[in-house]
Amino acid sequence: MEFTTILVMALLLGLKHALDPDHIVAVTTIVSEKKKARFSALVGAWWGIGHMTTILVIGSAIIYFDLLISHSVEKLLEGIVGVMIIYLGVKAFYSLSLGKTHEHAASREKNRWMLRPLIVGLLHGLAGSTGVAYLFLSTIEDKYMGFLYLLVFGTGTLLSMVLATLLIGMPYSWASDHKKFNLLLTRSTGILSVIFGIYYLCEILFLS
C-alpha cells in the first residue's frame, strides 16, 4: 500500500473515530460543567492527548512485540468505560449544586480539571474501541510505517475532538447566562449520559 494512501486512511479513520457515541457522550458531560468555549476546546485537546498516548503505546507494543489483547480483557476495559460514563453523568447532574456548596475549592478544582478528560481519553484508548486502528495495522508490513500510521490516526482523533467539543460547548456557554435553561441543559445531559452508560454497559456484558 502506498505511503500517501496509508496516511490519508489513518487521518480519515482518526477523524471519524473521535465521533464514536461513547466518546461524544463522555466529553459532553465534562463540557457541560465548564460553560466556556475555550474550556470546551481544551477538554477535546486533553481527551485527544490521552487517547493518542494509549494508541501509540499499545499500538507500538502490538507492532513490535506481537502483543495480543484477549477478548475478555477488551470487555473488561469497555465495561470500565461504561461505568465511567455513568459516573460522569451523575457528576454532571449534581455539578451546579456542588458548585454552590464548594466554592472554597474552586481554585483547586480549576488547577486539576484537565485531568478528567485526559484520563477519559486514556481509558477510551485502552478499551476495544481502538480496534479499527489496530485492525488496519495488519495491512502494513513496515513497522516504522505502522508507528507513523498510529501517530497520524491519533492526530486525526485529537483534531476531530477539539472541533467537536468546541461546537458542543457553544450551547452550554450560552446557557451559562440563563439560569433556568442552564440547569435544565446540564441536568438533562447528566441523565442522558447515565442512560447511555447503562445501555453501553449492558451491551458489553450481555450482547457482545
Protein backbone atom coordinates (compact mmCIF):
# COMPACT_ATOMS: atom_id res chain seq x y z
CA MET A 1 0.00 0.00 0.00
CA GLU A 2 1.34 3.44 -0.94
CA PHE A 3 2.71 5.81 1.68
CA THR A 4 0.20 8.59 0.90
CA THR A 5 -2.75 6.20 0.91
CA ILE A 6 -1.81 4.88 4.35
CA LEU A 7 -1.55 8.35 5.84
CA VAL A 8 -4.81 9.54 4.29
CA MET A 9 -6.62 6.45 5.58
CA ALA A 10 -5.12 6.96 9.03
CA LEU A 11 -6.24 10.58 9.15
CA LEU A 12 -9.77 9.83 7.91
CA LEU A 13 -10.21 6.94 10.34
CA GLY A 14 -8.93 9.13 13.17
CA LEU A 15 -11.33 11.96 12.32
CA LYS A 16 -14.24 9.51 12.24
CA HIS A 17 -13.17 7.54 15.30
CA ALA A 18 -13.29 10.56 17.61
CA LEU A 19 -17.02 10.89 16.88
CA ASP A 20 -17.96 7.46 18.26
CA PRO A 21 -21.02 7.82 20.53
CA ASP A 22 -19.26 6.78 23.76
CA HIS A 23 -16.54 9.38 23.11
CA ILE A 24 -19.00 12.19 22.39
CA VAL A 25 -21.21 11.39 25.39
CA ALA A 26 -18.25 11.31 27.76
CA VAL A 27 -16.74 14.62 26.68
CA THR A 28 -20.15 16.30 26.50
CA THR A 29 -20.78 15.62 30.18
CA ILE A 30 -17.43 17.22 31.03
CA VAL A 31 -18.08 20.19 28.74
CA SER A 32 -21.49 20.71 30.36
CA GLU A 33 -19.76 21.63 33.63
CA LYS A 34 -17.30 24.16 32.20
CA LYS A 35 -19.58 26.54 30.28
CA LYS A 36 -16.80 28.40 28.43
CA ALA A 37 -15.96 27.76 24.77
CA ARG A 38 -12.20 27.83 25.37
CA PHE A 39 -12.56 25.19 28.09
CA SER A 40 -14.61 23.07 25.69
CA ALA A 41 -11.79 23.02 23.15
CA LEU A 42 -9.28 22.19 25.89
CA VAL A 43 -11.45 19.26 27.00
CA GLY A 44 -11.21 17.89 23.46
CA ALA A 45 -7.47 18.54 23.34
CA TRP A 46 -6.74 16.76 26.63
CA TRP A 47 -9.01 13.87 25.64
CA GLY A 48 -7.14 13.63 22.33
CA ILE A 49 -3.75 13.66 24.06
CA GLY A 50 -4.81 10.86 26.40
CA HIS A 51 -6.29 8.85 23.55
CA MET A 52 -3.24 9.32 21.33
CA THR A 53 -0.89 8.32 24.15
CA THR A 54 -2.63 4.99 24.64
CA ILE A 55 -2.82 4.35 20.90
CA LEU A 56 0.90 4.93 20.49
CA VAL A 57 1.90 2.82 23.50
CA ILE A 58 -0.44 -0.14 22.93
CA GLY A 59 -0.21 0.08 19.15
CA SER A 60 3.59 0.08 19.25
CA ALA A 61 3.54 -2.97 21.51
CA ILE A 62 1.26 -4.72 19.03
CA ILE A 63 3.60 -3.85 16.17
CA TYR A 64 6.98 -4.57 17.76
CA PHE A 65 6.19 -7.28 20.32
CA ASP A 66 3.19 -9.00 18.67
CA LEU A 67 1.11 -8.15 21.72
CA LEU A 68 -2.35 -9.71 21.80
CA ILE A 69 -5.22 -8.33 23.86
CA SER A 70 -7.74 -11.03 24.76
CA HIS A 71 -11.47 -10.56 24.23
CA SER A 72 -12.10 -10.85 27.96
CA VAL A 73 -9.66 -8.01 28.70
CA GLU A 74 -11.28 -5.87 25.99
CA LYS A 75 -14.70 -6.47 27.55
CA LEU A 76 -13.38 -5.54 30.98
CA LEU A 77 -11.89 -2.29 29.68
CA GLU A 78 -15.06 -1.44 27.77
CA GLY A 79 -17.06 -2.17 30.92
CA ILE A 80 -14.89 0.31 32.80
CA VAL A 81 -15.69 2.88 30.11
CA GLY A 82 -19.41 2.24 30.66
CA VAL A 83 -19.06 2.78 34.41
CA MET A 84 -17.02 5.91 33.76
CA ILE A 85 -19.76 7.36 31.53
CA ILE A 86 -22.35 6.72 34.25
CA TYR A 87 -20.11 8.42 36.82
CA LEU A 88 -19.60 11.44 34.54
CA GLY A 89 -23.36 11.70 34.06
CA VAL A 90 -24.04 11.64 37.80
CA LYS A 91 -21.32 14.23 38.38
CA ALA A 92 -22.71 16.49 35.65
CA PHE A 93 -26.23 16.20 37.11
CA TYR A 94 -25.09 17.42 40.51
CA SER A 95 -22.39 19.83 39.29
CA LEU A 96 -24.44 23.01 39.76
CA SER A 97 -25.46 22.28 43.34
CA LEU A 98 -21.95 21.10 44.17
CA GLY A 99 -20.56 24.32 42.75
CA LYS A 100 -22.67 26.35 45.17
CA THR A 101 -21.66 24.42 48.28
CA HIS A 102 -17.98 24.04 47.46
CA GLU A 103 -16.94 27.45 46.18
CA HIS A 104 -13.92 27.44 48.51
CA ALA A 105 -12.46 24.56 46.48
CA ALA A 106 -12.90 26.34 43.15
CA SER A 107 -9.25 27.31 42.70
CA ARG A 108 -8.03 23.81 43.47
CA GLU A 109 -10.57 22.31 41.07
CA LYS A 110 -9.54 24.78 38.37
CA ASN A 111 -5.95 23.56 38.53
CA ARG A 112 -6.80 19.89 38.17
CA TRP A 113 -9.92 19.80 35.99
CA MET A 114 -7.95 18.88 32.87
CA LEU A 115 -7.03 15.54 34.42
CA ARG A 116 -10.56 14.28 33.86
CA PRO A 117 -10.64 14.49 30.03
CA LEU A 118 -7.05 13.19 29.96
CA ILE A 119 -8.00 10.11 32.00
CA VAL A 120 -11.16 9.61 29.94
CA GLY A 121 -9.08 9.71 26.76
CA LEU A 122 -6.60 7.20 28.18
CA LEU A 123 -9.41 4.81 29.11
CA HIS A 124 -11.09 5.15 25.73
CA GLY A 125 -7.77 4.35 24.07
CA LEU A 126 -7.29 1.29 26.27
CA ALA A 127 -10.73 -0.08 25.53
CA GLY A 128 -11.52 -2.10 22.43
CA SER A 129 -12.87 0.98 20.65
CA THR A 130 -9.46 1.45 19.01
CA GLY A 131 -9.78 -1.90 17.23
CA VAL A 132 -10.45 -0.08 13.97
CA ALA A 133 -6.96 1.43 14.20
CA TYR A 134 -5.17 -1.81 15.06
CA LEU A 135 -7.05 -3.89 12.51
CA PHE A 136 -5.63 -1.75 9.71
CA LEU A 137 -2.11 -2.40 11.01
CA SER A 138 -2.28 -5.94 9.61
CA THR A 139 -2.05 -4.48 6.10
CA ILE A 140 1.18 -2.58 6.89
CA GLU A 141 4.38 -4.61 6.69
CA ASP A 142 6.88 -1.88 7.63
CA LYS A 143 6.97 -1.37 11.42
CA TYR A 144 8.04 2.26 11.22
CA MET A 145 5.22 2.95 8.81
CA GLY A 146 2.87 1.29 11.29
CA PHE A 147 4.01 3.67 14.02
CA LEU A 148 3.55 6.64 11.67
CA TYR A 149 0.06 5.39 10.87
CA LEU A 150 -0.80 5.34 14.59
CA LEU A 151 0.61 8.84 15.04
CA VAL A 152 -1.47 10.25 12.18
CA PHE A 153 -4.55 8.34 13.38
CA GLY A 154 -4.12 9.78 16.87
CA THR A 155 -3.64 13.27 15.46
CA GLY A 156 -6.85 12.88 13.49
CA THR A 157 -8.81 11.94 16.63
CA LEU A 158 -7.33 14.88 18.51
CA LEU A 159 -8.22 17.43 15.81
CA SER A 160 -11.69 16.00 15.34
CA MET A 161 -12.42 16.00 19.07
CA VAL A 162 -11.20 19.57 19.55
CA LEU A 163 -13.56 20.74 16.82
CA ALA A 164 -16.42 18.60 18.17
CA THR A 165 -16.07 19.84 21.75
CA LEU A 166 -15.81 23.43 20.56
CA LEU A 167 -19.16 23.06 18.79
CA ILE A 168 -20.68 21.11 21.68
CA GLY A 169 -19.64 23.81 24.12
CA MET A 170 -21.49 26.62 22.34
CA PRO A 171 -24.99 25.95 23.75
CA TYR A 172 -23.57 25.38 27.23
CA SER A 173 -21.67 28.67 27.01
CA TRP A 174 -24.86 30.48 26.01
CA ALA A 175 -26.89 28.73 28.70
CA SER A 176 -24.49 29.85 31.43
CA ASP A 177 -26.15 33.29 31.32
CA HIS A 178 -29.65 31.81 31.60
CA LYS A 179 -30.05 30.17 34.99
CA LYS A 180 -33.14 28.01 34.39
CA PHE A 181 -32.06 26.83 30.95
CA ASN A 182 -28.56 26.18 32.26
CA LEU A 183 -29.97 23.95 34.99
CA LEU A 184 -32.22 22.10 32.54
CA LEU A 185 -29.49 21.58 29.94
CA THR A 186 -26.83 20.44 32.40
CA ARG A 187 -29.06 18.02 34.27
CA SER A 188 -30.55 16.66 31.04
CA THR A 189 -27.01 15.98 29.86
CA GLY A 190 -26.27 14.13 33.08
CA ILE A 191 -29.41 12.00 32.80
CA LEU A 192 -28.77 11.12 29.15
CA SER A 193 -25.18 10.22 29.98
CA VAL A 194 -26.31 7.85 32.74
CA ILE A 195 -28.88 6.24 30.41
CA PHE A 196 -26.30 5.81 27.66
CA GLY A 197 -23.74 4.45 30.12
CA ILE A 198 -26.21 1.82 31.38
CA TYR A 199 -27.09 0.86 27.80
CA TYR A 200 -23.40 0.69 26.84
CA LEU A 201 -22.61 -1.43 29.89
CA CYS A 202 -25.49 -3.83 29.21
CA GLU A 203 -24.42 -4.17 25.60
CA ILE A 204 -20.89 -5.07 26.66
CA LEU A 205 -21.98 -7.53 29.35
CA PHE A 206 -24.87 -9.27 27.62
CA LEU A 207 -24.77 -8.66 23.86
CA SER A 208 -21.11 -8.76 22.83
